[in-house]
Amino acid sequence: MKLIFKIVPRSLWREAVDSGVFKGAPVDLADGFIHFSTVGQVRETAEKHFAEQQDLLLAAFEASAFGDALKWEPSRGGALFPHLYDQLDPACAIWVKDLPLAADGSHVFPELGR
């Protein structure tokens, strides 16, 4: 099982759960796909795009669950990032956990396994 991760504001995730569909965060909508990160990328994603942001969640998904709608495309320094060219049902998350801030402003990650 290959997990991929989405960092998302709690309020946006609640809306998705209530409606049964996650269409993406504003950056996803602007780019035309939902941004995900692998286990080796998610901490850098948090540092680069969510620095010192509070009230975030980390959602884990099985990459193969998205079929052909998930594309692996080069981004930072040529690394391949998972991009979903579709909306998703938030119920397909394997887990969703808090992504709190430490005293130094960095995010405290949960165990990233299943």
PDB file of N, CA and C in Angstrom:
ATOM      1  N   MET A   1       0.845  -1.183   0.000  1.00  0.00           N
ATOM      2  CA  MET A   1       0.000   0.000   0.000  1.00  0.00           C
ATOM      3  C   MET A   1       0.887   1.241   0.000  1.00  0.00           C
ATOM      4  N   LYS A   2       0.654   2.130  -0.947  1.00  0.00           N
ATOM      5  CA  LYS A   2       1.395   3.384  -1.020  1.00  0.00           C
ATOM      6  C   LYS A   2       0.480   4.517  -0.591  1.00  0.00           C
ATOM      7  N   LEU A   3       0.791   5.098   0.567  1.00  0.00           N
ATOM      8  CA  LEU A   3      -0.006   6.211   1.068  1.00  0.00           C
ATOM      9  C   LEU A   3       0.469   7.523   0.451  1.00  0.00           C
ATOM     10  N   ILE A   4      -0.501   8.387   0.163  1.00  0.00           N
ATOM     11  CA  ILE A   4      -0.234   9.768  -0.213  1.00  0.00           C
ATOM     12  C   ILE A   4      -1.019  10.648   0.750  1.00  0.00           C
ATOM     13  N   PHE A   5      -0.589  11.891   0.891  1.00  0.00           N
ATOM     14  CA  PHE A   5      -1.113  12.755   1.946  1.00  0.00           C
ATOM     15  C   PHE A   5      -1.569  14.100   1.407  1.00  0.00           C
ATOM     16  N   LYS A   6      -2.631  14.605   2.045  1.00  0.00           N
ATOM     17  CA  LYS A   6      -3.165  15.931   1.730  1.00  0.00           C
ATOM     18  C   LYS A   6      -3.222  16.739   3.015  1.00  0.00           C
ATOM     19  N   ILE A   7      -2.591  17.891   3.016  1.00  0.00           N
ATOM     20  CA  ILE A   7      -2.699  18.836   4.124  1.00  0.00           C
ATOM     21  C   ILE A   7      -3.845  19.774   3.787  1.00  0.00           C
ATOM     22  N   VAL A   8      -4.772  19.921   4.723  1.00  0.00           N
ATOM     23  CA  VAL A   8      -5.984  20.691   4.421  1.00  0.00           C
ATOM     24  C   VAL A   8      -6.471  21.433   5.669  1.00  0.00           C
ATOM     25  N   PRO A   9      -6.931  22.663   5.507  1.00  0.00           N
ATOM     26  CA  PRO A   9      -7.518  23.370   6.655  1.00  0.00           C
ATOM     27  C   PRO A   9      -8.740  22.605   7.178  1.00  0.00           C
ATOM     28  N   ARG A  10      -8.863  22.567   8.483  1.00  0.00           N
ATOM     29  CA  ARG A  10      -9.961  21.841   9.135  1.00  0.00           C
ATOM     30  C   ARG A  10     -11.329  22.279   8.603  1.00  0.00           C
ATOM     31  N   SER A  11     -11.535  23.580   8.446  1.00  0.00           N
ATOM     32  CA  SER A  11     -12.846  24.085   7.992  1.00  0.00           C
ATOM     33  C   SER A  11     -13.182  23.585   6.585  1.00  0.00           C
ATOM     34  N   LEU A  12     -12.193  23.539   5.716  1.00  0.00           N
ATOM     35  CA  LEU A  12     -12.418  23.065   4.356  1.00  0.00           C
ATOM     36  C   LEU A  12     -12.732  21.568   4.345  1.00  0.00           C
ATOM     37  N   TRP A  13     -12.056  20.807   5.203  1.00  0.00           N
ATOM     38  CA  TRP A  13     -12.321  19.372   5.281  1.00  0.00           C
ATOM     39  C   TRP A  13     -13.723  19.105   5.832  1.00  0.00           C
ATOM     40  N   ARG A  14     -14.124  19.891   6.838  1.00  0.00           N
ATOM     41  CA  ARG A  14     -15.483  19.737   7.384  1.00  0.00           C
ATOM     42  C   ARG A  14     -16.537  19.969   6.304  1.00  0.00           C
ATOM     43  N   GLU A  15     -16.342  21.003   5.499  1.00  0.00           N
ATOM     44  CA  GLU A  15     -17.272  21.269   4.395  1.00  0.00           C
ATOM     45  C   GLU A  15     -17.327  20.080   3.437  1.00  0.00           C
ATOM     46  N   ALA A  16     -16.170  19.508   3.150  1.00  0.00           N
ATOM     47  CA  ALA A  16     -16.115  18.359   2.238  1.00  0.00           C
ATOM     48  C   ALA A  16     -16.837  17.152   2.837  1.00  0.00           C
ATOM     49  N   VAL A  17     -16.634  16.911   4.113  1.00  0.00           N
ATOM     50  CA  VAL A  17     -17.309  15.795   4.780  1.00  0.00           C
ATOM     51  C   VAL A  17     -18.816  16.016   4.750  1.00  0.00           C
ATOM     52  N   ASP A  18     -19.241  17.225   5.043  1.00  0.00           N
ATOM     53  CA  ASP A  18     -20.672  17.533   5.060  1.00  0.00           C
ATOM     54  C   ASP A  18     -21.314  17.377   3.679  1.00  0.00           C
ATOM     55  N   SER A  19     -20.588  17.754   2.630  1.00  0.00           N
ATOM     56  CA  SER A  19     -21.146  17.681   1.277  1.00  0.00           C
ATOM     57  C   SER A  19     -20.871  16.346   0.587  1.00  0.00           C
ATOM     58  N   GLY A  20     -19.911  15.586   1.125  1.00  0.00           N
ATOM     59  CA  GLY A  20     -19.556  14.305   0.524  1.00  0.00           C
ATOM     60  C   GLY A  20     -18.593  14.406  -0.641  1.00  0.00           C
ATOM     61  N   VAL A  21     -18.031  15.606  -0.850  1.00  0.00           N
ATOM     62  CA  VAL A  21     -17.079  15.776  -1.951  1.00  0.00           C
ATOM     63  C   VAL A  21     -16.030  16.827  -1.590  1.00  0.00           C
ATOM     64  N   PHE A  22     -14.780  16.507  -1.914  1.00  0.00           N
ATOM     65  CA  PHE A  22     -13.680  17.455  -1.769  1.00  0.00           C
ATOM     66  C   PHE A  22     -13.216  17.803  -3.173  1.00  0.00           C
ATOM     67  N   LYS A  23     -13.414  19.064  -3.539  1.00  0.00           N
ATOM     68  CA  LYS A  23     -13.040  19.520  -4.883  1.00  0.00           C
ATOM     69  C   LYS A  23     -11.642  20.109  -4.899  1.00  0.00           C
ATOM     70  N   GLY A  24     -11.112  20.388  -3.701  1.00  0.00           N
ATOM     71  CA  GLY A  24      -9.767  20.927  -3.585  1.00  0.00           C
ATOM     72  C   GLY A  24      -9.746  22.236  -2.833  1.00  0.00           C
ATOM     73  N   ALA A  25      -8.560  22.583  -2.385  1.00  0.00           N
ATOM     74  CA  ALA A  25      -8.308  23.875  -1.751  1.00  0.00           C
ATOM     75  C   ALA A  25      -8.167  24.917  -2.861  1.00  0.00           C
ATOM     76  N   PRO A  26      -8.151  26.195  -2.525  1.00  0.00           N
ATOM     77  CA  PRO A  26      -8.025  27.218  -3.571  1.00  0.00           C
ATOM     78  C   PRO A  26      -6.847  26.993  -4.525  1.00  0.00           C
ATOM     79  N   VAL A  27      -5.700  26.593  -4.012  1.00  0.00           N
ATOM     80  CA  VAL A  27      -4.542  26.350  -4.882  1.00  0.00           C
ATOM     81  C   VAL A  27      -4.804  25.173  -5.820  1.00  0.00           C
ATOM     82  N   ASP A  28      -5.511  24.161  -5.339  1.00  0.00           N
ATOM     83  CA  ASP A  28      -5.855  23.013  -6.184  1.00  0.00           C
ATOM     84  C   ASP A  28      -6.783  23.445  -7.317  1.00  0.00           C
ATOM     85  N   LEU A  29      -7.794  24.211  -6.959  1.00  0.00           N
ATOM     86  CA  LEU A  29      -8.757  24.681  -7.954  1.00  0.00           C
ATOM     87  C   LEU A  29      -8.065  25.545  -9.009  1.00  0.00           C
ATOM     88  N   ALA A  30      -7.136  26.389  -8.574  1.00  0.00           N
ATOM     89  CA  ALA A  30      -6.406  27.251  -9.505  1.00  0.00           C
ATOM     90  C   ALA A  30      -5.519  26.438 -10.441  1.00  0.00           C
ATOM     91  N   ASP A  31      -4.916  25.358  -9.920  1.00  0.00           N
ATOM     92  CA  ASP A  31      -3.997  24.545 -10.719  1.00  0.00           C
ATOM     93  C   ASP A  31      -4.695  23.460 -11.536  1.00  0.00           C
ATOM     94  N   GLY A  32      -5.947  23.165 -11.215  1.00  0.00           N
ATOM     95  CA  GLY A  32      -6.695  22.178 -11.982  1.00  0.00           C
ATOM     96  C   GLY A  32      -6.524  20.744 -11.516  1.00  0.00           C
ATOM     97  N   PHE A  33      -5.936  20.555 -10.354  1.00  0.00           N
ATOM     98  CA  PHE A  33      -5.778  19.221  -9.777  1.00  0.00           C
ATOM     99  C   PHE A  33      -5.577  19.352  -8.279  1.00  0.00           C
ATOM    100  N   ILE A  34      -5.798  18.255  -7.560  1.00  0.00           N
ATOM    101  CA  ILE A  34      -5.589  18.236  -6.112  1.00  0.00           C
ATOM    102  C   ILE A  34      -4.157  17.792  -5.845  1.00  0.00           C
ATOM    103  N   HIS A  35      -3.421  18.629  -5.129  1.00  0.00           N
ATOM    104  CA  HIS A  35      -2.031  18.356  -4.772  1.00  0.00           C
ATOM    105  C   HIS A  35      -1.967  17.353  -3.620  1.00  0.00           C
ATOM    106  N   PHE A  36      -1.143  16.346  -3.774  1.00  0.00           N
ATOM    107  CA  PHE A  36      -0.829  15.413  -2.706  1.00  0.00           C
ATOM    108  C   PHE A  36       0.686  15.361  -2.547  1.00  0.00           C
ATOM    109  N   SER A  37       1.131  14.752  -1.472  1.00  0.00           N
ATOM    110  CA  SER A  37       2.550  14.516  -1.225  1.00  0.00           C
ATOM    111  C   SER A  37       2.745  13.079  -0.784  1.00  0.00           C
ATOM    112  N   THR A  38       3.943  12.567  -1.049  1.00  0.00           N
ATOM    113  CA  THR A  38       4.307  11.247  -0.547  1.00  0.00           C
ATOM    114  C   THR A  38       4.829  11.395   0.878  1.00  0.00           C
ATOM    115  N   VAL A  39       5.108  10.268   1.512  1.00  0.00           N
ATOM    116  CA  VAL A  39       5.650  10.280   2.870  1.00  0.00           C
ATOM    117  C   VAL A  39       6.980  11.048   2.917  1.00  0.00           C
ATOM    118  N   GLY A  40       7.755  10.956   1.870  1.00  0.00           N
ATOM    119  CA  GLY A  40       9.034  11.650   1.831  1.00  0.00           C
ATOM    120  C   GLY A  40       8.942  13.123   1.464  1.00  0.00           C
ATOM    121  N   GLN A  41       7.771  13.581   1.048  1.00  0.00           N
ATOM    122  CA  GLN A  41       7.590  14.962   0.601  1.00  0.00           C
ATOM    123  C   GLN A  41       6.735  15.808   1.533  1.00  0.00           C
ATOM    124  N   VAL A  42       5.914  15.174   2.358  1.00  0.00           N
ATOM    125  CA  VAL A  42       4.863  15.902   3.071  1.00  0.00           C
ATOM    126  C   VAL A  42       5.411  16.903   4.098  1.00  0.00           C
ATOM    127  N   ARG A  43       6.512  16.590   4.733  1.00  0.00           N
ATOM    128  CA  ARG A  43       7.071  17.546   5.700  1.00  0.00           C
ATOM    129  C   ARG A  43       7.579  18.812   4.995  1.00  0.00           C
ATOM    130  N   GLU A  44       8.231  18.638   3.867  1.00  0.00           N
ATOM    131  CA  GLU A  44       8.693  19.794   3.099  1.00  0.00           C
ATOM    132  C   GLU A  44       7.500  20.599   2.574  1.00  0.00           C
ATOM    133  N   THR A  45       6.448  19.912   2.161  1.00  0.00           N
ATOM    134  CA  THR A  45       5.237  20.603   1.718  1.00  0.00           C
ATOM    135  C   THR A  45       4.682  21.470   2.835  1.00  0.00           C
ATOM    136  N   ALA A  46       4.643  20.930   4.047  1.00  0.00           N
ATOM    137  CA  ALA A  46       4.145  21.699   5.194  1.00  0.00           C
ATOM    138  C   ALA A  46       5.008  22.929   5.448  1.00  0.00           C
ATOM    139  N   GLU A  47       6.320  22.738   5.412  1.00  0.00           N
ATOM    140  CA  GLU A  47       7.239  23.856   5.658  1.00  0.00           C
ATOM    141  C   GLU A  47       7.114  24.931   4.589  1.00  0.00           C
ATOM    142  N   LYS A  48       6.999  24.502   3.352  1.00  0.00           N
ATOM    143  CA  LYS A  48       7.015  25.444   2.227  1.00  0.00           C
ATOM    144  C   LYS A  48       5.679  26.147   2.003  1.00  0.00           C
ATOM    145  N   HIS A  49       4.582  25.414   2.163  1.00  0.00           N
ATOM    146  CA  HIS A  49       3.278  25.970   1.780  1.00  0.00           C
ATOM    147  C   HIS A  49       2.318  26.223   2.953  1.00  0.00           C
ATOM    148  N   PHE A  50       2.650  25.721   4.135  1.00  0.00           N
ATOM    149  CA  PHE A  50       1.748  25.859   5.283  1.00  0.00           C
ATOM    150  C   PHE A  50       2.477  26.360   6.527  1.00  0.00           C
ATOM    151  N   ALA A  51       3.580  27.064   6.342  1.00  0.00           N
ATOM    152  CA  ALA A  51       4.400  27.535   7.460  1.00  0.00           C
ATOM    153  C   ALA A  51       3.558  28.290   8.485  1.00  0.00           C
ATOM    154  N   GLU A  52       3.642  27.832   9.708  1.00  0.00           N
ATOM    155  CA  GLU A  52       2.997  28.450  10.876  1.00  0.00           C
ATOM    156  C   GLU A  52       1.475  28.533  10.778  1.00  0.00           C
ATOM    157  N   GLN A  53       0.861  27.821   9.840  1.00  0.00           N
ATOM    158  CA  GLN A  53      -0.602  27.802   9.757  1.00  0.00           C
ATOM    159  C   GLN A  53      -1.157  26.841  10.797  1.00  0.00           C
ATOM    160  N   GLN A  54      -2.202  27.279  11.451  1.00  0.00           N
ATOM    161  CA  GLN A  54      -2.849  26.476  12.479  1.00  0.00           C
ATOM    162  C   GLN A  54      -4.133  25.849  11.943  1.00  0.00           C
ATOM    163  N   ASP A  55      -4.664  24.944  12.745  1.00  0.00           N
ATOM    164  CA  ASP A  55      -5.947  24.297  12.470  1.00  0.00           C
ATOM    165  C   ASP A  55      -5.947  23.528  11.151  1.00  0.00           C
ATOM    166  N   LEU A  56      -4.856  22.792  10.943  1.00  0.00           N
ATOM    167  CA  LEU A  56      -4.722  21.966   9.748  1.00  0.00           C
ATOM    168  C   LEU A  56      -4.945  20.495  10.096  1.00  0.00           C
ATOM    169  N   LEU A  57      -5.323  19.750   9.079  1.00  0.00           N
ATOM    170  CA  LEU A  57      -5.463  18.300   9.185  1.00  0.00           C
ATOM    171  C   LEU A  57      -4.547  17.656   8.154  1.00  0.00           C
ATOM    172  N   LEU A  58      -4.169  16.430   8.443  1.00  0.00           N
ATOM    173  CA  LEU A  58      -3.415  15.625   7.501  1.00  0.00           C
ATOM    174  C   LEU A  58      -4.254  14.398   7.178  1.00  0.00           C
ATOM    175  N   ALA A  59      -4.594  14.240   5.910  1.00  0.00           N
ATOM    176  CA  ALA A  59      -5.402  13.110   5.472  1.00  0.00           C
ATOM    177  C   ALA A  59      -4.540  12.168   4.646  1.00  0.00           C
ATOM    178  N   ALA A  60      -4.679  10.863   4.927  1.00  0.00           N
ATOM    179  CA  ALA A  60      -3.924   9.833   4.214  1.00  0.00           C
ATOM    180  C   ALA A  60      -4.858   9.063   3.280  1.00  0.00           C
ATOM    181  N   PHE A  61      -4.365   8.767   2.099  1.00  0.00           N
ATOM    182  CA  PHE A  61      -5.131   8.048   1.081  1.00  0.00           C
ATOM    183  C   PHE A  61      -4.263   6.965   0.464  1.00  0.00           C
ATOM    184  N   GLU A  62      -4.907   5.917  -0.009  1.00  0.00           N
ATOM    185  CA  GLU A  62      -4.228   4.880  -0.774  1.00  0.00           C
ATOM    186  C   GLU A  62      -4.124   5.368  -2.217  1.00  0.00           C
ATOM    187  N   ALA A  63      -2.911   5.515  -2.716  1.00  0.00           N
ATOM    188  CA  ALA A  63      -2.698   6.069  -4.053  1.00  0.00           C
ATOM    189  C   ALA A  63      -3.447   5.287  -5.130  1.00  0.00           C
ATOM    190  N   SER A  64      -3.450   3.985  -5.030  1.00  0.00           N
ATOM    191  CA  SER A  64      -4.072   3.171  -6.084  1.00  0.00           C
ATOM    192  C   SER A  64      -5.589   3.325  -6.135  1.00  0.00           C
ATOM    193  N   ALA A  65      -6.188   3.878  -5.086  1.00  0.00           N
ATOM    194  CA  ALA A  65      -7.647   4.037  -5.052  1.00  0.00           C
ATOM    195  C   ALA A  65      -8.146   5.038  -6.101  1.00  0.00           C
ATOM    196  N   PHE A  66      -7.262   5.898  -6.591  1.00  0.00           N
ATOM    197  CA  PHE A  66      -7.669   6.944  -7.531  1.00  0.00           C
ATOM    198  C   PHE A  66      -7.516   6.534  -8.996  1.00  0.00           C
ATOM    199  N   GLY A  67      -6.954   5.378  -9.242  1.00  0.00           N
ATOM    200  CA  GLY A  67      -6.829   4.886 -10.612  1.00  0.00           C
ATOM    201  C   GLY A  67      -6.080   5.849 -11.518  1.00  0.00           C
ATOM    202  N   ASP A  68      -6.561   5.953 -12.754  1.00  0.00           N
ATOM    203  CA  ASP A  68      -5.904   6.777 -13.769  1.00  0.00           C
ATOM    204  C   ASP A  68      -6.046   8.281 -13.524  1.00  0.00           C
ATOM    205  N   ALA A  69      -6.906   8.679 -12.587  1.00  0.00           N
ATOM    206  CA  ALA A  69      -7.076  10.107 -12.297  1.00  0.00           C
ATOM    207  C   ALA A  69      -5.874  10.663 -11.529  1.00  0.00           C
ATOM    208  N   LEU A  70      -5.047   9.774 -10.954  1.00  0.00           N
ATOM    209  CA  LEU A  70      -3.852  10.201 -10.219  1.00  0.00           C
ATOM    210  C   LEU A  70      -2.653  10.142 -11.158  1.00  0.00           C
ATOM    211  N   LYS A  71      -2.025  11.286 -11.330  1.00  0.00           N
ATOM    212  CA  LYS A  71      -0.849  11.392 -12.198  1.00  0.00           C
ATOM    213  C   LYS A  71       0.362  11.745 -11.343  1.00  0.00           C
ATOM    214  N   TRP A  72       1.488  11.154 -11.669  1.00  0.00           N
ATOM    215  CA  TRP A  72       2.757  11.451 -10.994  1.00  0.00           C
ATOM    216  C   TRP A  72       3.526  12.399 -11.889  1.00  0.00           C
ATOM    217  N   GLU A  73       3.648  13.660 -11.428  1.00  0.00           N
ATOM    218  CA  GLU A  73       4.214  14.699 -12.280  1.00  0.00           C
ATOM    219  C   GLU A  73       5.382  15.400 -11.595  1.00  0.00           C
ATOM    220  N   PRO A  74       6.380  15.813 -12.389  1.00  0.00           N
ATOM    221  CA  PRO A  74       7.549  16.474 -11.797  1.00  0.00           C
ATOM    222  C   PRO A  74       7.200  17.841 -11.229  1.00  0.00           C
ATOM    223  N   SER A  75       7.818  18.141 -10.112  1.00  0.00           N
ATOM    224  CA  SER A  75       7.650  19.434  -9.467  1.00  0.00           C
ATOM    225  C   SER A  75       9.015  19.854  -8.943  1.00  0.00           C
ATOM    226  N   ARG A  76       9.074  20.236  -7.670  1.00  0.00           N
ATOM    227  CA  ARG A  76      10.322  20.706  -7.061  1.00  0.00           C
ATOM    228  C   ARG A  76      11.528  19.854  -7.443  1.00  0.00           C
ATOM    229  N   GLY A  77      12.463  20.434  -8.131  1.00  0.00           N
ATOM    230  CA  GLY A  77      13.702  19.746  -8.439  1.00  0.00           C
ATOM    231  C   GLY A  77      13.522  18.454  -9.224  1.00  0.00           C
ATOM    232  N   GLY A  78      12.399  18.306  -9.902  1.00  0.00           N
ATOM    233  CA  GLY A  78      12.164  17.114 -10.701  1.00  0.00           C
ATOM    234  C   GLY A  78      11.524  15.967  -9.955  1.00  0.00           C
ATOM    235  N   ALA A  79      11.282  16.127  -8.656  1.00  0.00           N
ATOM    236  CA  ALA A  79      10.621  15.063  -7.883  1.00  0.00           C
ATOM    237  C   ALA A  79       9.200  14.855  -8.406  1.00  0.00           C
ATOM    238  N   LEU A  80       8.765  13.606  -8.432  1.00  0.00           N
ATOM    239  CA  LEU A  80       7.415  13.296  -8.891  1.00  0.00           C
ATOM    240  C   LEU A  80       6.427  13.428  -7.730  1.00  0.00           C
ATOM    241  N   PHE A  81       5.423  14.262  -7.940  1.00  0.00           N
ATOM    242  CA  PHE A  81       4.373  14.472  -6.947  1.00  0.00           C
ATOM    243  C   PHE A  81       3.066  13.898  -7.463  1.00  0.00           C
ATOM    244  N   PRO A  82       2.250  13.342  -6.573  1.00  0.00           N
ATOM    245  CA  PRO A  82       0.942  12.838  -6.985  1.00  0.00           C
ATOM    246  C   PRO A  82      -0.071  13.975  -7.119  1.00  0.00           C
ATOM    247  N   HIS A  83      -0.720  14.032  -8.274  1.00  0.00           N
ATOM    248  CA  HIS A  83      -1.736  15.048  -8.565  1.00  0.00           C
ATOM    249  C   HIS A  83      -3.012  14.336  -8.987  1.00  0.00           C
ATOM    250  N   LEU A  84      -4.111  14.660  -8.328  1.00  0.00           N
ATOM    251  CA  LEU A  84      -5.394  14.039  -8.639  1.00  0.00           C
ATOM    252  C   LEU A  84      -6.207  14.950  -9.542  1.00  0.00           C
ATOM    253  N   TYR A  85      -6.510  14.466 -10.735  1.00  0.00           N
ATOM    254  CA  TYR A  85      -7.314  15.213 -11.697  1.00  0.00           C
ATOM    255  C   TYR A  85      -8.771  14.781 -11.580  1.00  0.00           C
ATOM    256  N   ASP A  86      -9.310  14.979 -10.414  1.00  0.00           N
ATOM    257  CA  ASP A  86     -10.692  14.605 -10.108  1.00  0.00           C
ATOM    258  C   ASP A  86     -10.998  15.148  -8.717  1.00  0.00           C
ATOM    259  N   GLN A  87     -12.242  15.128  -8.346  1.00  0.00           N
ATOM    260  CA  GLN A  87     -12.612  15.420  -6.962  1.00  0.00           C
ATOM    261  C   GLN A  87     -12.578  14.099  -6.209  1.00  0.00           C
ATOM    262  N   LEU A  88     -12.728  14.154  -4.893  1.00  0.00           N
ATOM    263  CA  LEU A  88     -12.703  12.908  -4.144  1.00  0.00           C
ATOM    264  C   LEU A  88     -13.760  12.897  -3.056  1.00  0.00           C
ATOM    265  N   ASP A  89     -14.139  11.714  -2.679  1.00  0.00           N
ATOM    266  CA  ASP A  89     -15.053  11.507  -1.562  1.00  0.00           C
ATOM    267  C   ASP A  89     -14.207  11.476  -0.298  1.00  0.00           C
ATOM    268  N   PRO A  90     -14.425  12.400   0.643  1.00  0.00           N
ATOM    269  CA  PRO A  90     -13.598  12.419   1.844  1.00  0.00           C
ATOM    270  C   PRO A  90     -13.675  11.123   2.652  1.00  0.00           C
ATOM    271  N   ALA A  91     -14.734  10.342   2.454  1.00  0.00           N
ATOM    272  CA  ALA A  91     -14.860   9.068   3.164  1.00  0.00           C
ATOM    273  C   ALA A  91     -13.811   8.057   2.714  1.00  0.00           C
ATOM    274  N   CYS A  92     -13.144   8.303   1.587  1.00  0.00           N
ATOM    275  CA  CYS A  92     -12.121   7.357   1.133  1.00  0.00           C
ATOM    276  C   CYS A  92     -10.782   7.574   1.829  1.00  0.00           C
ATOM    277  N   ALA A  93     -10.685   8.569   2.693  1.00  0.00           N
ATOM    278  CA  ALA A  93      -9.455   8.758   3.472  1.00  0.00           C
ATOM    279  C   ALA A  93      -9.248   7.558   4.390  1.00  0.00           C
ATOM    280  N   ILE A  94      -8.032   7.075   4.440  1.00  0.00           N
ATOM    281  CA  ILE A  94      -7.702   5.972   5.344  1.00  0.00           C
ATOM    282  C   ILE A  94      -7.704   6.475   6.779  1.00  0.00           C
ATOM    283  N   TRP A  95      -7.175   7.666   6.958  1.00  0.00           N
ATOM    284  CA  TRP A  95      -7.252   8.347   8.247  1.00  0.00           C
ATOM    285  C   TRP A  95      -7.081   9.850   8.042  1.00  0.00           C
ATOM    286  N   VAL A  96      -7.561  10.604   9.029  1.00  0.00           N
ATOM    287  CA  VAL A  96      -7.416  12.058   9.058  1.00  0.00           C
ATOM    288  C   VAL A  96      -6.998  12.409  10.480  1.00  0.00           C
ATOM    289  N   LYS A  97      -5.872  13.102  10.601  1.00  0.00           N
ATOM    290  CA  LYS A  97      -5.326  13.430  11.924  1.00  0.00           C
ATOM    291  C   LYS A  97      -4.983  14.912  12.004  1.00  0.00           C
ATOM    292  N   ASP A  98      -4.985  15.423  13.231  1.00  0.00           N
ATOM    293  CA  ASP A  98      -4.580  16.806  13.468  1.00  0.00           C
ATOM    294  C   ASP A  98      -3.129  17.006  13.063  1.00  0.00           C
ATOM    295  N   LEU A  99      -2.808  18.214  12.607  1.00  0.00           N
ATOM    296  CA  LEU A  99      -1.441  18.602  12.267  1.00  0.00           C
ATOM    297  C   LEU A  99      -1.120  19.877  13.048  1.00  0.00           C
ATOM    298  N   PRO A 100      -0.885  19.709  14.349  1.00  0.00           N
ATOM    299  CA  PRO A 100      -0.681  20.881  15.215  1.00  0.00           C
ATOM    300  C   PRO A 100       0.689  21.527  15.017  1.00  0.00           C
ATOM    301  N   LEU A 101       0.802  22.720  15.579  1.00  0.00           N
ATOM    302  CA  LEU A 101       2.067  23.448  15.560  1.00  0.00           C
ATOM    303  C   LEU A 101       2.829  23.224  16.854  1.00  0.00           C
ATOM    304  N   ALA A 102       4.137  23.105  16.745  1.00  0.00           N
ATOM    305  CA  ALA A 102       5.020  23.063  17.915  1.00  0.00           C
ATOM    306  C   ALA A 102       5.303  24.504  18.344  1.00  0.00           C
ATOM    307  N   ALA A 103       5.947  24.660  19.463  1.00  0.00           N
ATOM    308  CA  ALA A 103       6.277  25.992  19.985  1.00  0.00           C
ATOM    309  C   ALA A 103       7.148  26.781  19.009  1.00  0.00           C
ATOM    310  N   ASP A 104       7.962  26.085  18.209  1.00  0.00           N
ATOM    311  CA  ASP A 104       8.840  26.771  17.259  1.00  0.00           C
ATOM    312  C   ASP A 104       8.152  27.102  15.936  1.00  0.00           C
ATOM    313  N   GLY A 105       6.854  26.766  15.806  1.00  0.00           N
ATOM    314  CA  GLY A 105       6.096  27.080  14.602  1.00  0.00           C
ATOM    315  C   GLY A 105       6.111  25.989  13.545  1.00  0.00           C
ATOM    316  N   SER A 106       6.844  24.917  13.794  1.00  0.00           N
ATOM    317  CA  SER A 106       6.844  23.801  12.842  1.00  0.00           C
ATOM    318  C   SER A 106       5.664  22.876  13.142  1.00  0.00           C
ATOM    319  N   HIS A 107       5.282  22.081  12.183  1.00  0.00           N
ATOM    320  CA  HIS A 107       4.160  21.163  12.377  1.00  0.00           C
ATOM    321  C   HIS A 107       4.624  19.867  13.030  1.00  0.00           C
ATOM    322  N   VAL A 108       3.787  19.347  13.885  1.00  0.00           N
ATOM    323  CA  VAL A 108       4.059  18.091  14.581  1.00  0.00           C
ATOM    324  C   VAL A 108       3.280  16.993  13.840  1.00  0.00           C
ATOM    325  N   PHE A 109       4.005  16.127  13.174  1.00  0.00           N
ATOM    326  CA  PHE A 109       3.387  15.096  12.359  1.00  0.00           C
ATOM    327  C   PHE A 109       3.051  13.861  13.176  1.00  0.00           C
ATOM    328  N   PRO A 110       1.908  13.258  12.867  1.00  0.00           N
ATOM    329  CA  PRO A 110       1.577  11.964  13.479  1.00  0.00           C
ATOM    330  C   PRO A 110       2.415  10.877  12.805  1.00  0.00           C
ATOM    331  N   GLU A 111       2.320   9.676  13.308  1.00  0.00           N
ATOM    332  CA  GLU A 111       2.922   8.520  12.640  1.00  0.00           C
ATOM    333  C   GLU A 111       2.313   8.443  11.243  1.00  0.00           C
ATOM    334  N   LEU A 112       3.143   8.294  10.223  1.00  0.00           N
ATOM    335  CA  LEU A 112       2.640   8.354   8.853  1.00  0.00           C
ATOM    336  C   LEU A 112       2.335   6.991   8.247  1.00  0.00           C
ATOM    337  N   GLY A 113       2.354   5.965   9.031  1.00  0.00           N
ATOM    338  CA  GLY A 113       1.973   4.644   8.544  1.00  0.00           C
ATOM    339  C   GLY A 113       0.474   4.494   8.521  1.00  0.00           C
ATOM    340  N   ARG A 114       0.038   3.302   8.245  1.00  0.00           N
ATOM    341  CA  ARG A 114      -1.386   3.002   8.185  1.00  0.00           C
ATOM    342  C   ARG A 114      -1.966   3.205   9.533  1.00  0.00           C
TER     343      ARG A 114
END
